[in-house]
C-alpha atoms as a PDB file:
ATOM      1  CA  UNK A   1       0.684  -9.117 -52.137  1.00  0.00           C
ATOM      2  CA  UNK A   2       3.583 -10.313 -54.294  1.00  0.00           C
ATOM      3  CA  UNK A   3       4.652 -12.655 -51.504  1.00  0.00           C
ATOM      4  CA  UNK A   4       1.181 -14.211 -51.367  1.00  0.00           C
ATOM      5  CA  UNK A   5       1.254 -14.752 -55.143  1.00  0.00           C
ATOM      6  CA  UNK A   6       4.506 -16.683 -54.669  1.00  0.00           C
ATOM      7  CA  UNK A   7       3.024 -18.715 -51.806  1.00  0.00           C
ATOM      8  CA  UNK A   8       0.028 -19.715 -53.935  1.00  0.00           C
ATOM      9  CA  UNK A   9       2.334 -20.617 -56.824  1.00  0.00           C
ATOM     10  CA  UNK A  10       4.461 -22.851 -54.598  1.00  0.00           C
ATOM     11  CA  UNK A  11       1.552 -24.593 -52.841  1.00  0.00           C
ATOM     12  CA  UNK A  12       0.391 -27.934 -54.220  1.00  0.00           C
ATOM     13  CA  UNK A  13      -2.764 -28.088 -52.078  1.00  0.00           C
ATOM     14  CA  UNK A  14      -4.188 -25.468 -49.688  1.00  0.00           C
ATOM     15  CA  UNK A  15      -3.808 -26.124 -45.982  1.00  0.00           C
ATOM     16  CA  UNK A  16      -6.769 -26.213 -43.624  1.00  0.00           C
ATOM     17  CA  UNK A  17      -7.115 -26.681 -39.885  1.00  0.00           C
ATOM     18  CA  UNK A  18      -8.034 -30.289 -40.630  1.00  0.00           C
ATOM     19  CA  UNK A  19      -5.013 -30.963 -42.833  1.00  0.00           C
ATOM     20  CA  UNK A  20      -2.755 -29.354 -40.240  1.00  0.00           C
ATOM     21  CA  UNK A  21      -4.173 -31.659 -37.563  1.00  0.00           C
ATOM     22  CA  UNK A  22      -3.552 -34.707 -39.729  1.00  0.00           C
ATOM     23  CA  UNK A  23       0.065 -33.652 -40.382  1.00  0.00           C
ATOM     24  CA  UNK A  24       0.713 -32.792 -36.729  1.00  0.00           C
ATOM     25  CA  UNK A  25      -0.663 -36.139 -35.531  1.00  0.00           C
ATOM     26  CA  UNK A  26       1.660 -37.863 -37.999  1.00  0.00           C
ATOM     27  CA  UNK A  27       4.537 -35.825 -36.558  1.00  0.00           C
ATOM     28  CA  UNK A  28       3.710 -37.159 -33.090  1.00  0.00           C
ATOM     29  CA  UNK A  29       1.763 -34.351 -31.426  1.00  0.00           C
ATOM     30  CA  UNK A  30      -0.617 -35.599 -28.733  1.00  0.00           C
ATOM     31  CA  UNK A  31      -3.258 -34.425 -26.298  1.00  0.00           C
ATOM     32  CA  UNK A  32      -1.853 -32.832 -23.160  1.00  0.00           C
ATOM     33  CA  UNK A  33       1.464 -31.713 -24.668  1.00  0.00           C
ATOM     34  CA  UNK A  34       3.295 -28.717 -23.237  1.00  0.00           C
ATOM     35  CA  UNK A  35       4.439 -27.168 -26.481  1.00  0.00           C
ATOM     36  CA  UNK A  36       6.498 -24.136 -27.480  1.00  0.00           C
ATOM     37  CA  UNK A  37       6.043 -23.310 -31.161  1.00  0.00           C
ATOM     38  CA  UNK A  38       8.301 -21.430 -33.570  1.00  0.00           C
ATOM     39  CA  UNK A  39       6.754 -21.079 -36.996  1.00  0.00           C
ATOM     40  CA  UNK A  40       6.558 -19.512 -40.441  1.00  0.00           C
ATOM     41  CA  UNK A  41       3.108 -19.588 -41.991  1.00  0.00           C
ATOM     42  CA  UNK A  42       4.415 -18.706 -45.447  1.00  0.00           C
ATOM     43  CA  UNK A  43       6.733 -21.732 -45.447  1.00  0.00           C
ATOM     44  CA  UNK A  44       3.754 -24.009 -44.801  1.00  0.00           C
ATOM     45  CA  UNK A  45       2.032 -22.908 -47.988  1.00  0.00           C
ATOM     46  CA  UNK A  46      -1.213 -21.107 -48.676  1.00  0.00           C
ATOM     47  CA  UNK A  47      -3.670 -21.684 -45.840  1.00  0.00           C
ATOM     48  CA  UNK A  48      -7.443 -21.362 -45.699  1.00  0.00           C
ATOM     49  CA  UNK A  49      -7.966 -19.128 -42.670  1.00  0.00           C
ATOM     50  CA  UNK A  50      -4.334 -18.089 -42.325  1.00  0.00           C
ATOM     51  CA  UNK A  51      -2.779 -18.232 -38.850  1.00  0.00           C
ATOM     52  CA  UNK A  52      -6.127 -18.967 -37.203  1.00  0.00           C
ATOM     53  CA  UNK A  53      -6.242 -22.367 -38.922  1.00  0.00           C
ATOM     54  CA  UNK A  54      -2.899 -23.447 -37.462  1.00  0.00           C
ATOM     55  CA  UNK A  55      -3.608 -22.096 -33.975  1.00  0.00           C
ATOM     56  CA  UNK A  56      -7.011 -23.794 -33.895  1.00  0.00           C
ATOM     57  CA  UNK A  57      -5.435 -27.062 -35.045  1.00  0.00           C
ATOM     58  CA  UNK A  58      -2.800 -26.911 -32.309  1.00  0.00           C
ATOM     59  CA  UNK A  59      -5.360 -26.093 -29.619  1.00  0.00           C
ATOM     60  CA  UNK A  60      -7.738 -28.825 -30.773  1.00  0.00           C
ATOM     61  CA  UNK A  61      -4.949 -31.391 -30.658  1.00  0.00           C
ATOM     62  CA  UNK A  62      -3.317 -30.620 -27.333  1.00  0.00           C
ATOM     63  CA  UNK A  63      -6.662 -29.588 -25.714  1.00  0.00           C
ATOM     64  CA  UNK A  64      -6.884 -27.440 -22.547  1.00  0.00           C
ATOM     65  CA  UNK A  65      -5.170 -30.327 -20.733  1.00  0.00           C
ATOM     66  CA  UNK A  66      -2.011 -29.252 -22.558  1.00  0.00           C
ATOM     67  CA  UNK A  67      -0.309 -25.888 -22.855  1.00  0.00           C
ATOM     68  CA  UNK A  68       0.559 -23.928 -25.992  1.00  0.00           C
ATOM     69  CA  UNK A  69       3.338 -21.334 -25.799  1.00  0.00           C
ATOM     70  CA  UNK A  70       4.768 -18.919 -28.349  1.00  0.00           C
ATOM     71  CA  UNK A  71       7.446 -16.217 -28.120  1.00  0.00           C
ATOM     72  CA  UNK A  72       5.952 -12.729 -28.500  1.00  0.00           C
ATOM     73  CA  UNK A  73       9.133 -10.664 -28.542  1.00  0.00           C
ATOM     74  CA  UNK A  74       9.173  -6.876 -28.922  1.00  0.00           C
ATOM     75  CA  UNK A  75      12.583  -5.928 -30.253  1.00  0.00           C
ATOM     76  CA  UNK A  76      11.419  -2.372 -30.934  1.00  0.00           C
ATOM     77  CA  UNK A  77      11.367  -1.643 -27.192  1.00  0.00           C
ATOM     78  CA  UNK A  78      15.128  -1.902 -26.791  1.00  0.00           C
ATOM     79  CA  UNK A  79      18.213   0.284 -26.629  1.00  0.00           C
ATOM     80  CA  UNK A  80      18.135   2.186 -29.971  1.00  0.00           C
ATOM     81  CA  UNK A  81      21.914   2.484 -30.215  1.00  0.00           C
ATOM     82  CA  UNK A  82      21.977  -1.301 -30.729  1.00  0.00           C
ATOM     83  CA  UNK A  83      19.389  -1.411 -33.528  1.00  0.00           C
ATOM     84  CA  UNK A  84      20.587  -2.954 -36.783  1.00  0.00           C
ATOM     85  CA  UNK A  85      17.455  -3.886 -38.792  1.00  0.00           C
ATOM     86  CA  UNK A  86      17.390  -1.009 -39.550  1.00  0.00           C
ATOM     87  CA  UNK A  87      19.812   1.186 -37.583  1.00  0.00           C
ATOM     88  CA  UNK A  88      18.547   4.668 -36.786  1.00  0.00           C
ATOM     89  CA  UNK A  89      20.476   7.975 -36.640  1.00  0.00           C
ATOM     90  CA  UNK A  90      22.198   8.738 -33.342  1.00  0.00           C
ATOM     91  CA  UNK A  91      20.285  12.006 -33.005  1.00  0.00           C
ATOM     92  CA  UNK A  92      17.074   9.966 -32.724  1.00  0.00           C
ATOM     93  CA  UNK A  93      18.187   7.838 -29.791  1.00  0.00           C
ATOM     94  CA  UNK A  94      17.232  10.184 -26.964  1.00  0.00           C
ATOM     95  CA  UNK A  95      13.744  10.759 -28.409  1.00  0.00           C
ATOM     96  CA  UNK A  96      13.172   7.024 -28.734  1.00  0.00           C
ATOM     97  CA  UNK A  97      14.217   6.415 -25.134  1.00  0.00           C
ATOM     98  CA  UNK A  98      11.971   9.238 -23.941  1.00  0.00           C
ATOM     99  CA  UNK A  99       8.832   8.572 -25.944  1.00  0.00           C
ATOM    100  CA  UNK A 100       8.573   4.913 -26.928  1.00  0.00           C
ATOM    101  CA  UNK A 101       5.445   3.508 -25.221  1.00  0.00           C
ATOM    102  CA  UNK A 102       6.018   1.412 -22.124  1.00  0.00           C
ATOM    103  CA  UNK A 103       5.466  -2.297 -22.550  1.00  0.00           C
ATOM    104  CA  UNK A 104       1.952  -3.503 -21.784  1.00  0.00           C
ATOM    105  CA  UNK A 105       1.167  -7.169 -22.517  1.00  0.00           C
ATOM    106  CA  UNK A 106      -2.302  -6.400 -23.874  1.00  0.00           C
ATOM    107  CA  UNK A 107      -1.337  -3.446 -26.064  1.00  0.00           C
ATOM    108  CA  UNK A 108       2.135  -3.806 -27.515  1.00  0.00           C
ATOM    109  CA  UNK A 109       2.395  -5.886 -30.705  1.00  0.00           C
ATOM    110  CA  UNK A 110       5.142  -8.339 -31.488  1.00  0.00           C
ATOM    111  CA  UNK A 111       7.880  -7.276 -33.887  1.00  0.00           C
ATOM    112  CA  UNK A 112       9.421  -9.547 -36.496  1.00  0.00           C
ATOM    113  CA  UNK A 113       7.755 -12.661 -35.077  1.00  0.00           C
ATOM    114  CA  UNK A 114       5.329 -13.399 -37.901  1.00  0.00           C
ATOM    115  CA  UNK A 115       1.555 -13.565 -38.094  1.00  0.00           C
ATOM    116  CA  UNK A 116       1.081 -16.707 -35.997  1.00  0.00           C
ATOM    117  CA  UNK A 117       2.415 -15.413 -32.626  1.00  0.00           C
ATOM    118  CA  UNK A 118       0.835 -11.996 -33.226  1.00  0.00           C
ATOM    119  CA  UNK A 119      -2.556 -13.629 -33.804  1.00  0.00           C
ATOM    120  CA  UNK A 120      -2.114 -16.102 -30.946  1.00  0.00           C
ATOM    121  CA  UNK A 121      -1.388 -13.428 -28.312  1.00  0.00           C
ATOM    122  CA  UNK A 122      -4.837 -11.889 -28.972  1.00  0.00           C
ATOM    123  CA  UNK A 123      -6.747 -15.187 -28.669  1.00  0.00           C
ATOM    124  CA  UNK A 124      -9.280 -15.714 -25.859  1.00  0.00           C
ATOM    125  CA  UNK A 125      -7.737 -17.129 -22.668  1.00  0.00           C
ATOM    126  CA  UNK A 126      -4.167 -16.495 -23.847  1.00  0.00           C
ATOM    127  CA  UNK A 127      -1.996 -14.687 -21.319  1.00  0.00           C
ATOM    128  CA  UNK A 128       1.333 -12.998 -21.893  1.00  0.00           C
ATOM    129  CA  UNK A 129       4.342 -12.557 -19.647  1.00  0.00           C
ATOM    130  CA  UNK A 130       5.228  -9.039 -18.564  1.00  0.00           C
ATOM    131  CA  UNK A 131       8.696  -8.732 -20.078  1.00  0.00           C
ATOM    132  CA  UNK A 132       9.382  -5.661 -22.237  1.00  0.00           C
ATOM    133  CA  UNK A 133      11.566  -7.409 -24.830  1.00  0.00           C
ATOM    134  CA  UNK A 134      11.236 -11.210 -24.577  1.00  0.00           C
ATOM    135  CA  UNK A 135       7.671 -11.950 -23.507  1.00  0.00           C
ATOM    136  CA  UNK A 136       5.921 -15.269 -24.114  1.00  0.00           C
ATOM    137  CA  UNK A 137       2.206 -15.947 -24.573  1.00  0.00           C
ATOM    138  CA  UNK A 138       0.565 -19.130 -23.310  1.00  0.00           C
ATOM    139  CA  UNK A 139      -2.778 -20.946 -23.321  1.00  0.00           C
ATOM    140  CA  UNK A 140      -3.923 -24.025 -21.452  1.00  0.00           C
ATOM    141  CA  UNK A 141      -3.314 -25.903 -18.221  1.00  0.00           C
ATOM    142  CA  UNK A 142       0.047 -24.418 -17.217  1.00  0.00           C
ATOM    143  CA  UNK A 143      -0.261 -21.027 -18.911  1.00  0.00           C
ATOM    144  CA  UNK A 144      -0.275 -19.013 -15.680  1.00  0.00           C
ATOM    145  CA  UNK A 145       2.615 -20.976 -14.196  1.00  0.00           C
ATOM    146  CA  UNK A 146       4.711 -20.475 -17.319  1.00  0.00           C
ATOM    147  CA  UNK A 147       4.234 -16.733 -17.827  1.00  0.00           C
ATOM    148  CA  UNK A 148       3.988 -15.629 -14.188  1.00  0.00           C
ATOM    149  CA  UNK A 149       6.862 -13.608 -12.685  1.00  0.00           C
ATOM    150  CA  UNK A 150       9.005 -13.387 -15.809  1.00  0.00           C
ATOM    151  CA  UNK A 151      12.169 -11.710 -14.424  1.00  0.00           C
ATOM    152  CA  UNK A 152      13.547  -8.600 -16.083  1.00  0.00           C
ATOM    153  CA  UNK A 153      17.102  -9.912 -15.779  1.00  0.00           C
ATOM    154  CA  UNK A 154      18.055 -13.406 -16.979  1.00  0.00           C
ATOM    155  CA  UNK A 155      15.108 -13.125 -19.339  1.00  0.00           C
ATOM    156  CA  UNK A 156      15.675 -16.510 -20.990  1.00  0.00           C
ATOM    157  CA  UNK A 157      17.130 -18.311 -17.975  1.00  0.00           C
ATOM    158  CA  UNK A 158      15.757 -20.914 -15.579  1.00  0.00           C
ATOM    159  CA  UNK A 159      13.220 -18.557 -13.977  1.00  0.00           C
ATOM    160  CA  UNK A 160      11.866 -17.500 -17.369  1.00  0.00           C
ATOM    161  CA  UNK A 161       9.042 -19.188 -19.288  1.00  0.00           C
ATOM    162  CA  UNK A 162      11.710 -21.258 -21.062  1.00  0.00           C
ATOM    163  CA  UNK A 163      12.972 -22.540 -17.721  1.00  0.00           C
ATOM    164  CA  UNK A 164       9.455 -23.445 -16.661  1.00  0.00           C
ATOM    165  CA  UNK A 165       8.884 -25.370 -19.886  1.00  0.00           C
ATOM    166  CA  UNK A 166      12.133 -27.207 -19.111  1.00  0.00           C
ATOM    167  CA  UNK A 167      10.877 -27.974 -15.587  1.00  0.00           C
ATOM    168  CA  UNK A 168       7.597 -29.306 -17.003  1.00  0.00           C
ATOM    169  CA  UNK A 169       9.425 -31.406 -19.634  1.00  0.00           C
ATOM    170  CA  UNK A 170       7.748 -29.704 -22.571  1.00  0.00           C
ATOM    171  CA  UNK A 171       8.252 -30.079 -26.310  1.00  0.00           C
ATOM    172  CA  UNK A 172       9.673 -27.826 -29.034  1.00  0.00           C
ATOM    173  CA  UNK A 173       7.842 -27.606 -32.364  1.00  0.00           C
ATOM    174  CA  UNK A 174       9.653 -25.991 -35.308  1.00  0.00           C
ATOM    175  CA  UNK A 175       7.399 -25.355 -38.301  1.00  0.00           C
ATOM    176  CA  UNK A 176       9.230 -24.101 -41.362  1.00  0.00           C
ATOM    177  CA  UNK A 177      11.972 -22.395 -39.352  1.00  0.00           C
ATOM    178  CA  UNK A 178      15.585 -23.367 -38.591  1.00  0.00           C
ATOM    179  CA  UNK A 179      17.201 -23.854 -35.198  1.00  0.00           C
ATOM    180  CA  UNK A 180      18.332 -20.233 -35.455  1.00  0.00           C
ATOM    181  CA  UNK A 181      14.758 -19.441 -34.342  1.00  0.00           C
ATOM    182  CA  UNK A 182      14.802 -21.952 -31.487  1.00  0.00           C
ATOM    183  CA  UNK A 183      14.748 -19.712 -28.405  1.00  0.00           C
ATOM    184  CA  UNK A 184      15.135 -22.664 -26.015  1.00  0.00           C
ATOM    185  CA  UNK A 185      18.778 -22.852 -27.075  1.00  0.00           C
ATOM    186  CA  UNK A 186      19.315 -19.517 -25.322  1.00  0.00           C
ATOM    187  CA  UNK A 187      18.335 -21.260 -22.083  1.00  0.00           C
ATOM    188  CA  UNK A 188      21.313 -23.547 -22.647  1.00  0.00           C
ATOM    189  CA  UNK A 189      23.563 -20.475 -22.845  1.00  0.00           C
ATOM    190  CA  UNK A 190      22.456 -19.474 -19.355  1.00  0.00           C
ATOM    191  CA  UNK A 191      23.172 -22.948 -18.017  1.00  0.00           C
ATOM    192  CA  UNK A 192      26.818 -23.195 -19.065  1.00  0.00           C
ATOM    193  CA  UNK A 193      30.072 -21.286 -19.286  1.00  0.00           C
ATOM    194  CA  UNK A 194      31.917 -20.618 -22.538  1.00  0.00           C
ATOM    195  CA  UNK A 195      34.636 -18.259 -23.791  1.00  0.00           C
ATOM    196  CA  UNK A 196      33.301 -14.794 -24.537  1.00  0.00           C
ATOM    197  CA  UNK A 197      30.216 -15.152 -22.368  1.00  0.00           C
ATOM    198  CA  UNK A 198      29.376 -11.634 -21.264  1.00  0.00           C
ATOM    199  CA  UNK A 199      26.584  -9.420 -20.048  1.00  0.00           C
ATOM    200  CA  UNK A 200      25.634  -6.160 -21.745  1.00  0.00           C
ATOM    201  CA  UNK A 201      23.444  -3.210 -20.780  1.00  0.00           C
ATOM    202  CA  UNK A 202      19.856  -3.463 -22.027  1.00  0.00           C
ATOM    203  CA  UNK A 203      17.242  -0.704 -21.957  1.00  0.00           C
ATOM    204  CA  UNK A 204      13.448  -0.645 -22.312  1.00  0.00           C
ATOM    205  CA  UNK A 205      10.406   1.414 -21.441  1.00  0.00           C
ATOM    206  CA  UNK A 206       8.297  -0.193 -18.704  1.00  0.00           C
ATOM    207  CA  UNK A 207       5.764   0.819 -16.074  1.00  0.00           C
ATOM    208  CA  UNK A 208       7.183   1.408 -12.594  1.00  0.00           C
ATOM    209  CA  UNK A 209       4.491   2.155 -10.008  1.00  0.00           C
ATOM    210  CA  UNK A 210       2.099   2.845 -12.901  1.00  0.00           C
ATOM    211  CA  UNK A 211       4.425   5.441 -14.432  1.00  0.00           C
ATOM    212  CA  UNK A 212       6.408   5.073 -17.623  1.00  0.00           C
ATOM    213  CA  UNK A 213      10.152   4.781 -17.068  1.00  0.00           C
ATOM    214  CA  UNK A 214      13.159   3.988 -19.257  1.00  0.00           C
ATOM    215  CA  UNK A 215      15.123   1.415 -17.296  1.00  0.00           C
ATOM    216  CA  UNK A 216      18.413  -0.370 -17.897  1.00  0.00           C
ATOM    217  CA  UNK A 217      19.772  -3.673 -16.658  1.00  0.00           C
ATOM    218  CA  UNK A 218      22.493  -6.207 -17.426  1.00  0.00           C
ATOM    219  CA  UNK A 219      21.569  -9.095 -19.707  1.00  0.00           C
ATOM    220  CA  UNK A 220      23.393 -12.003 -21.311  1.00  0.00           C
ATOM    221  CA  UNK A 221      24.705 -11.147 -24.767  1.00  0.00           C
ATOM    222  CA  UNK A 222      23.110 -14.079 -26.563  1.00  0.00           C
ATOM    223  CA  UNK A 223      24.817 -15.763 -29.495  1.00  0.00           C
ATOM    224  CA  UNK A 224      22.799 -17.644 -32.091  1.00  0.00           C
ATOM    225  CA  UNK A 225      25.216 -17.849 -35.026  1.00  0.00           C
ATOM    226  CA  UNK A 226      25.988 -21.499 -34.265  1.00  0.00           C
ATOM    227  CA  UNK A 227      22.446 -22.659 -33.450  1.00  0.00           C
ATOM    228  CA  UNK A 228      21.878 -24.267 -36.851  1.00  0.00           C
ATOM    229  CA  UNK A 229      25.078 -26.300 -36.467  1.00  0.00           C
ATOM    230  CA  UNK A 230      24.045 -27.217 -32.930  1.00  0.00           C
ATOM    231  CA  UNK A 231      20.604 -28.297 -34.104  1.00  0.00           C
ATOM    232  CA  UNK A 232      22.053 -30.357 -36.933  1.00  0.00           C
ATOM    233  CA  UNK A 233      24.346 -32.206 -34.533  1.00  0.00           C
ATOM    234  CA  UNK A 234      21.472 -32.805 -32.106  1.00  0.00           C
ATOM    235  CA  UNK A 235      19.294 -34.261 -34.845  1.00  0.00           C
ATOM    236  CA  UNK A 236      22.123 -36.541 -35.948  1.00  0.00           C
ATOM    237  CA  UNK A 237      22.678 -37.692 -32.367  1.00  0.00           C
ATOM    238  CA  UNK A 238      19.101 -38.978 -32.132  1.00  0.00           C
ATOM    239  CA  UNK A 239      18.828 -39.994 -35.803  1.00  0.00           C
ATOM    240  CA  UNK A 240      15.929 -37.577 -36.262  1.00  0.00           C
ATOM    241  CA  UNK A 241      13.973 -37.327 -39.513  1.00  0.00           C
ATOM    242  CA  UNK A 242      11.823 -34.266 -40.088  1.00  0.00           C
ATOM    243  CA  UNK A 243       8.356 -34.514 -41.629  1.00  0.00           C
ATOM    244  CA  UNK A 244       6.113 -32.111 -43.498  1.00  0.00           C
ATOM    245  CA  UNK A 245       3.348 -29.946 -42.081  1.00  0.00           C
ATOM    246  CA  UNK A 246       1.808 -28.440 -45.159  1.00  0.00           C
ATOM    247  CA  UNK A 247       4.771 -27.579 -47.376  1.00  0.00           C
ATOM    248  CA  UNK A 248       7.124 -26.917 -44.454  1.00  0.00           C
ATOM    249  CA  UNK A 249       9.758 -29.034 -42.773  1.00  0.00           C
ATOM    250  CA  UNK A 250       8.545 -29.756 -39.238  1.00  0.00           C
ATOM    251  CA  UNK A 251      10.452 -30.962 -36.189  1.00  0.00           C
ATOM    252  CA  UNK A 252       9.203 -32.014 -32.748  1.00  0.00           C
ATOM    253  CA  UNK A 253      11.696 -32.517 -29.903  1.00  0.00           C
ATOM    254  CA  UNK A 254      11.887 -32.831 -26.144  1.00  0.00           C
ATOM    255  CA  UNK A 255      12.944 -29.376 -24.953  1.00  0.00           C
ATOM    256  CA  UNK A 256      14.762 -30.742 -21.915  1.00  0.00           C
ATOM    257  CA  UNK A 257      16.676 -33.305 -23.946  1.00  0.00           C
ATOM    258  CA  UNK A 258      17.716 -30.729 -26.515  1.00  0.00           C
ATOM    259  CA  UNK A 259      18.735 -28.121 -23.936  1.00  0.00           C
ATOM    260  CA  UNK A 260      20.829 -30.702 -22.058  1.00  0.00           C
ATOM    261  CA  UNK A 261      22.545 -31.628 -25.332  1.00  0.00           C
ATOM    262  CA  UNK A 262      23.028 -27.939 -26.174  1.00  0.00           C
ATOM    263  CA  UNK A 263      24.758 -27.211 -22.850  1.00  0.00           C
ATOM    264  CA  UNK A 264      27.415 -29.831 -23.589  1.00  0.00           C
ATOM    265  CA  UNK A 265      27.669 -28.829 -27.242  1.00  0.00           C
ATOM    266  CA  UNK A 266      28.181 -25.123 -26.472  1.00  0.00           C
ATOM    267  CA  UNK A 267      30.853 -25.800 -23.853  1.00  0.00           C
ATOM    268  CA  UNK A 268      32.722 -28.062 -26.269  1.00  0.00           C
ATOM    269  CA  UNK A 269      32.375 -26.158 -29.513  1.00  0.00           C
ATOM    270  CA  UNK A 270      32.573 -22.562 -28.380  1.00  0.00           C
ATOM    271  CA  UNK A 271      35.682 -23.375 -26.368  1.00  0.00           C
ATOM    272  CA  UNK A 272      37.338 -24.489 -29.610  1.00  0.00           C
ATOM    273  CA  UNK A 273      36.931 -21.097 -31.284  1.00  0.00           C
END
C-alpha cells in the first residue's frame, strides 16, 4: 500500500484507457501493429482500472488486425542453484527440483514481470507459448504463429516468438522501463558471435508424455549488463526522442531495425572488453 501512496503523490492526473490511447497515438502507435510490450504500470502513474486500462487501450488501438505480445517469464521454474533474488539454501535444491509444479501455460503465473503481463496472459483470446522459463503471451492476428512451437533450446533465438516478431517486422514498445528490460536484444545475442559467448545448463519442470519431469538442456548464458548503453547508442543513431505515456517515458521502435543494430553493436563493443 505504501507504494500506491507514493504513486498517487507523484501523479499529476490519473490515467484512463482513453488518456492512454491519446498518448499512444501521439507516440505513433497505429492499427494493425505487431507489438511487443515491456512495461511498468507504477511508472506511468496512478491509473483508473489498473493494468486493464492499458491493455484495453492497446487492444483498441491495434485492433484484432494487429498482434499484441508480452513476455510472461517464469524465473521460479529454473535451476535453484542459480537463484540470486533471493538465493536459497543448498539443502533445498533437491526438493525444489523434485516438487516444483511443471509448467502449464494456463496455470503457472509470471514471476517478477509486473501486473500488466500477468493480467494480459489471463485475458480472453490470449494464448501463451509452452516454454517453462521464457514464455510469451499473444493476442490478435498472428498470435498463434508467434507462440506456436516455442523451442526448449535457443529460447530467445530465431525460432522463438522474438524471432517470429522479427520475421513479421514488428515493433517494440517500452513503457516506463529501460533497455535492460528489452528482451528483443537477447535475440541479437543469438545472431552474433562475441568473446565470452557460452552455453550453460538450464533446468525446469515440464510435462513429458503427460508426466511431470525435471529436464535439463544447454542454453545461451545471456548478458544484459550493457543493454542500456546499447539502447542509448541506438537511440542516438536514429536521433530518437522519447515521449510520455502517462507519467512514464515511452519509446516505440522497429524491432528488426534495433536487433540489426544490436548485432553490430555487440560484436564491436563486447570484443573491446
